Amino acid sequence: MNQTATKPNRVLVPTLTGIGLAIGVLVAVIASDVILGVIAGASFIAITVGLVRLWTGGDNQQPHR
């Protein structure tokens, strides 16, 4: 049986990226250190992208014939 993977909503990815950006800026302002802000924002974005791929089955792509 062929199972179709669900695709993430068009609004989901930009929203999560915006949240990651906001977290990075917030951490940078609070800690007065840009590097910590970049690390926090990039970590959030990387984790959420991984979770969205896991949730939607993005890693189980079949080869094209």
Protein backbone atom coordinates (compact mmCIF):
# COMPACT_ATOMS: atom_id res chain seq x y z
CA MET A 1 0.00 0.00 0.00
CA ASN A 2 1.32 3.42 -0.93
CA GLN A 3 1.25 6.01 1.86
CA THR A 4 1.37 9.70 1.03
CA ALA A 5 3.40 11.88 3.39
CA THR A 6 1.66 14.96 4.68
CA LYS A 7 3.27 18.28 3.79
CA PRO A 8 3.81 21.02 6.36
CA ASN A 9 1.51 23.99 6.17
CA ARG A 10 2.83 26.92 4.09
CA VAL A 11 2.65 29.15 7.15
CA LEU A 12 4.38 26.72 9.51
CA VAL A 13 7.96 27.02 8.28
CA PRO A 14 8.10 30.86 8.12
CA THR A 15 6.40 31.03 11.52
CA LEU A 16 8.93 28.70 13.13
CA THR A 17 11.77 30.60 11.46
CA GLY A 18 10.38 33.88 12.81
CA ILE A 19 10.12 32.40 16.30
CA GLY A 20 13.74 31.23 16.04
CA LEU A 21 14.80 34.70 14.96
CA ALA A 22 12.89 36.29 17.85
CA ILE A 23 14.45 33.88 20.34
CA GLY A 24 17.91 34.64 18.97
CA VAL A 25 17.40 38.41 19.22
CA LEU A 26 15.90 38.10 22.73
CA VAL A 27 18.81 35.99 23.99
CA ALA A 28 21.32 38.35 22.36
CA VAL A 29 19.74 41.39 24.03
CA ILE A 30 19.38 39.79 27.45
CA ALA A 31 22.86 38.24 27.47
CA SER A 32 24.50 41.19 25.64
CA ASP A 33 26.26 38.63 23.48
CA VAL A 34 25.44 38.15 19.81
CA ILE A 35 27.07 34.71 19.61
CA LEU A 36 24.73 33.30 22.27
CA GLY A 37 21.77 34.74 20.38
CA VAL A 38 22.90 33.16 17.13
CA ILE A 39 23.41 29.81 18.85
CA ALA A 40 19.98 29.94 20.50
CA GLY A 41 18.16 30.94 17.31
CA ALA A 42 19.97 28.43 15.11
CA SER A 43 19.42 25.65 17.63
CA PHE A 44 15.68 26.35 17.77
CA ILE A 45 15.39 26.40 13.99
CA ALA A 46 17.44 23.20 13.57
CA ILE A 47 15.42 21.30 16.18
CA THR A 48 12.06 22.41 14.80
CA VAL A 49 13.06 21.59 11.20
CA GLY A 50 14.07 18.12 12.36
CA LEU A 51 10.79 17.65 14.20
CA VAL A 52 8.74 18.84 11.22
CA ARG A 53 10.59 16.42 8.93
CA LEU A 54 10.04 13.60 11.40
CA TRP A 55 6.36 14.50 11.76
CA THR A 56 5.70 14.76 8.03
CA GLY A 57 7.85 11.79 7.03
CA GLY A 58 10.20 13.97 4.98
CA ASP A 59 13.11 11.55 5.34
CA ASN A 60 11.24 8.62 3.76
CA GLN A 61 11.45 9.74 0.15
CA GLN A 62 11.17 7.07 -2.51
CA PRO A 63 13.53 7.27 -5.50
CA HIS A 64 11.97 8.49 -8.73
CA ARG A 65 11.64 5.95 -11.53
